[in-house]
Amino acid sequence: TVDVLTMTATPIPRTLYMSLMGVRDMSMLETPPSSRLSVVTEVLEFSDLRLQRAIQNEIDRNGQIYFVHNRVQSIDKICTHLRKLMPGVTFSVAHGQMEPAALEKVMADFIDGRTQCLISTNIIESGIDIPNVNTIIVNRADSFGLADLYQLRGRVGRYPTVRQAYAYFLVPADWVMTQDAEKRLAAIERFSELGSGLKIALEDLEIRGA
């Protein structure tokens, strides 16, 4: 008899800690889908040149891009900057403070391929599965939790056949990060192989504490 069954692909330190303490049993599915590749993961300083390369590489293979900027107040400014940087690319903006009808249209245009790059807050973190999106760029990645970074990276690499996906986590140039932020970014870059959720949960548990 199973009293409580929790299935998750997201590394959750609390649930892991309960398992380690014997409150819950833990089982792991360690075999990834045969058609998936690990997401190539890089932590980079913000650079217009690297942005151009990352976006153009995906456009060149007819793919789409997520650009995550988790500040509604400045998201339009980022969109303006990217449009100036890459005038041949179609961009759109999505965030939770938009009118529902406007947000729905933006998402429909992106899903249908009419928009090449979606600039959004972390509302795409879960429940979004668009196989043609195989590059994600996360701005100010140092401000995200480790589980959030893992979830965001999981939005790419879902193409129905084997296709390499890329995740770029950006921090400001010459930025002095907190020690915990450095640990989180080092972990997401180090544990990039498929099925690394448990390792990330262990790292997150160590950083945040039980």
Protein backbone atom coordinates (compact mmCIF):
# COMPACT_ATOMS: atom_id res chain seq x y z
CA THR A 1 0.00 0.00 0.00
CA VAL A 2 1.29 3.44 -0.96
CA ASP A 3 0.05 6.15 1.39
CA VAL A 4 1.79 9.09 -0.28
CA LEU A 5 3.45 9.08 -3.68
CA THR A 6 5.44 12.09 -4.81
CA MET A 7 6.91 12.07 -8.30
CA THR A 8 9.10 14.96 -9.30
CA ALA A 9 11.79 15.82 -11.81
CA THR A 10 12.51 18.95 -9.79
CA PRO A 11 15.18 18.78 -7.08
CA ILE A 12 13.34 19.56 -3.84
CA PRO A 13 15.66 19.68 -0.78
CA ARG A 14 12.79 19.39 1.71
CA THR A 15 11.51 16.17 0.16
CA LEU A 16 15.05 14.83 -0.13
CA TYR A 17 15.72 15.61 3.54
CA MET A 18 12.55 13.75 4.56
CA SER A 19 13.81 10.73 2.62
CA LEU A 20 17.26 10.93 4.19
CA MET A 21 15.65 11.06 7.65
CA GLY A 22 13.51 7.99 6.87
CA VAL A 23 10.19 9.83 6.86
CA ARG A 24 9.64 8.89 3.23
CA ASP A 25 10.98 6.18 0.99
CA MET A 26 12.78 7.20 -2.17
CA SER A 27 12.95 5.54 -5.57
CA MET A 28 14.78 6.91 -8.59
CA LEU A 29 14.26 6.54 -12.32
CA GLU A 30 17.80 6.69 -13.66
CA THR A 31 17.34 5.86 -17.35
CA PRO A 32 16.72 8.96 -19.47
CA PRO A 33 14.76 8.87 -22.75
CA SER A 34 16.92 7.47 -25.53
CA SER A 35 16.24 10.45 -27.82
CA ARG A 36 17.50 13.08 -25.33
CA LEU A 37 20.90 14.70 -25.03
CA SER A 38 22.25 16.53 -22.00
CA VAL A 39 21.76 20.30 -22.24
CA VAL A 40 25.04 22.11 -22.84
CA THR A 41 25.19 24.52 -19.90
CA GLU A 42 27.38 27.62 -19.54
CA VAL A 43 27.60 30.38 -16.95
CA LEU A 44 28.73 33.58 -18.67
CA GLU A 45 29.15 37.29 -18.08
CA PHE A 46 26.57 39.36 -19.97
CA SER A 47 27.99 40.08 -23.42
CA ASP A 48 26.27 41.36 -26.55
CA LEU A 49 28.60 39.28 -28.71
CA ARG A 50 27.79 36.04 -26.88
CA LEU A 51 24.08 36.86 -27.02
CA GLN A 52 24.28 37.38 -30.76
CA ARG A 53 26.10 34.09 -31.25
CA ALA A 54 23.72 32.10 -29.07
CA ILE A 55 20.59 33.52 -30.67
CA GLN A 56 21.92 33.33 -34.22
CA ASN A 57 23.08 29.72 -33.82
CA GLU A 58 19.54 28.70 -32.89
CA ILE A 59 17.95 30.78 -35.64
CA ASP A 60 20.30 29.22 -38.21
CA ARG A 61 18.82 25.79 -37.50
CA ASN A 62 15.23 27.15 -37.56
CA GLY A 63 14.83 26.89 -33.80
CA GLN A 64 13.44 29.28 -31.20
CA ILE A 65 14.79 30.85 -28.03
CA TYR A 66 13.66 31.67 -24.51
CA PHE A 67 15.25 34.75 -22.97
CA VAL A 68 14.35 34.93 -19.28
CA HIS A 69 14.47 38.34 -17.62
CA ASN A 70 12.64 38.18 -14.30
CA ARG A 71 12.01 41.91 -13.82
CA VAL A 72 8.74 43.24 -15.26
CA GLN A 73 9.87 46.85 -14.73
CA SER A 74 12.81 46.51 -17.14
CA ILE A 75 11.70 43.71 -19.46
CA ASP A 76 10.66 46.11 -22.25
CA LYS A 77 14.06 47.80 -22.02
CA ILE A 78 15.76 44.42 -22.52
CA CYS A 79 13.48 43.74 -25.49
CA THR A 80 14.43 47.09 -27.06
CA HIS A 81 18.12 46.31 -26.56
CA LEU A 82 17.82 42.87 -28.19
CA ARG A 83 15.86 44.25 -31.13
CA LYS A 84 18.59 46.80 -31.77
CA LEU A 85 21.23 44.12 -31.37
CA MET A 86 19.53 41.69 -33.77
CA PRO A 87 17.11 43.58 -36.03
CA GLY A 88 16.47 40.54 -38.22
CA VAL A 89 15.02 38.48 -35.35
CA THR A 90 11.40 38.66 -34.18
CA PHE A 91 11.01 39.19 -30.42
CA SER A 92 7.99 39.27 -28.14
CA VAL A 93 7.48 39.88 -24.41
CA ALA A 94 5.48 37.81 -21.91
CA HIS A 95 4.92 38.29 -18.19
CA GLY A 96 2.26 37.66 -15.59
CA GLN A 97 1.10 41.28 -15.33
CA MET A 98 -0.15 41.34 -18.94
CA GLU A 99 -3.84 41.17 -19.77
CA PRO A 100 -4.80 37.49 -20.22
CA ALA A 101 -5.88 37.96 -23.84
CA ALA A 102 -2.62 39.74 -24.74
CA LEU A 103 -0.51 37.09 -23.02
CA GLU A 104 -2.44 34.32 -24.74
CA LYS A 105 -1.81 35.90 -28.16
CA VAL A 106 1.93 36.30 -27.46
CA MET A 107 2.19 32.65 -26.44
CA ALA A 108 0.12 31.46 -29.40
CA ASP A 109 2.35 33.39 -31.82
CA PHE A 110 5.44 31.85 -30.22
CA ILE A 111 4.06 28.32 -30.23
CA ASP A 112 3.07 28.70 -33.89
CA GLY A 113 6.57 29.91 -34.79
CA ARG A 114 5.65 33.47 -35.70
CA THR A 115 8.01 34.74 -33.00
CA GLN A 116 11.61 33.54 -32.87
CA CYS A 117 12.60 34.68 -29.37
CA LEU A 118 10.31 34.99 -26.37
CA ILE A 119 11.50 37.40 -23.67
CA SER A 120 9.69 36.47 -20.48
CA THR A 121 9.76 36.35 -16.72
CA ASN A 122 10.01 32.95 -15.06
CA ILE A 123 6.36 32.21 -15.89
CA ILE A 124 7.76 29.70 -18.40
CA GLU A 125 9.44 27.77 -15.58
CA SER A 126 6.89 24.96 -15.53
CA GLY A 127 4.10 23.64 -17.69
CA ILE A 128 5.58 24.88 -20.96
CA ASP A 129 6.71 22.30 -23.51
CA ILE A 130 7.60 23.67 -26.96
CA PRO A 131 9.90 21.17 -28.71
CA ASN A 132 11.27 23.70 -31.21
CA VAL A 133 12.78 25.83 -28.42
CA ASN A 134 16.27 24.48 -27.78
CA THR A 135 18.17 27.50 -26.49
CA ILE A 136 17.42 29.26 -23.22
CA ILE A 137 19.21 32.36 -21.95
CA VAL A 138 18.66 33.37 -18.33
CA ASN A 139 19.61 36.93 -17.41
CA ARG A 140 20.77 37.67 -13.84
CA ALA A 141 20.97 33.96 -13.16
CA ASP A 142 22.63 34.72 -9.82
CA SER A 143 19.25 35.89 -8.49
CA PHE A 144 17.54 32.51 -9.06
CA GLY A 145 17.42 29.53 -6.74
CA LEU A 146 19.04 26.28 -7.82
CA ALA A 147 15.73 24.47 -8.28
CA ASP A 148 14.51 27.37 -10.44
CA LEU A 149 17.62 27.19 -12.62
CA TYR A 150 17.13 23.46 -13.02
CA GLN A 151 13.47 23.93 -13.97
CA LEU A 152 14.33 26.62 -16.51
CA ARG A 153 17.00 24.47 -18.12
CA GLY A 154 14.41 21.72 -18.40
CA ARG A 155 12.34 23.85 -20.79
CA VAL A 156 14.76 23.01 -23.61
CA GLY A 157 16.02 19.72 -24.99
CA ARG A 158 12.53 18.37 -25.69
CA TYR A 159 12.83 18.02 -29.47
CA PRO A 160 11.14 14.78 -30.68
CA THR A 161 14.39 13.59 -32.29
CA VAL A 162 17.96 14.05 -31.11
CA ARG A 163 18.89 17.74 -31.13
CA GLN A 164 21.47 19.47 -28.95
CA ALA A 165 20.03 22.06 -26.58
CA TYR A 166 21.83 24.96 -24.91
CA ALA A 167 21.36 26.85 -21.65
CA TYR A 168 23.23 30.08 -20.95
CA PHE A 169 23.11 31.56 -17.47
CA LEU A 170 24.18 35.21 -17.50
CA VAL A 171 25.59 37.36 -14.72
CA PRO A 172 26.56 41.05 -14.98
CA ALA A 173 30.14 41.73 -16.06
CA ASP A 174 32.51 42.27 -13.12
CA TRP A 175 29.67 41.50 -10.71
CA VAL A 176 30.54 40.42 -7.18
CA MET A 177 28.14 37.60 -6.34
CA THR A 178 27.27 36.19 -2.96
CA GLN A 179 28.97 32.96 -1.99
CA ASP A 180 25.68 31.05 -2.19
CA ALA A 181 24.98 32.40 -5.70
CA GLU A 182 28.43 31.24 -6.84
CA LYS A 183 27.73 27.78 -5.43
CA ARG A 184 24.34 27.58 -7.16
CA LEU A 185 25.74 28.56 -10.54
CA ALA A 186 28.72 26.22 -10.18
CA ALA A 187 26.31 23.37 -9.40
CA ILE A 188 23.98 23.98 -12.35
CA GLU A 189 26.98 24.12 -14.69
CA ARG A 190 28.67 21.06 -13.19
CA PHE A 191 25.60 18.81 -13.01
CA SER A 192 24.35 19.06 -16.58
CA GLU A 193 23.98 15.39 -17.45
CA LEU A 194 20.55 13.81 -17.75
CA GLY A 195 19.19 12.50 -14.48
CA SER A 196 21.22 14.89 -12.34
CA GLY A 197 18.25 16.06 -10.28
CA LEU A 198 19.28 14.13 -7.17
CA LYS A 199 22.80 15.58 -7.25
CA ILE A 200 21.40 19.08 -7.59
CA ALA A 201 18.95 18.48 -4.74
CA LEU A 202 21.84 17.33 -2.53
CA GLU A 203 23.83 20.43 -3.46
CA ASP A 204 20.81 22.68 -2.83
CA LEU A 205 20.24 21.02 0.53
CA GLU A 206 23.85 21.68 1.48
CA ILE A 207 23.69 25.34 0.36
CA ARG A 208 20.35 26.17 1.98
CA GLY A 209 20.51 23.83 4.92
CA ALA A 210 17.82 21.45 6.15
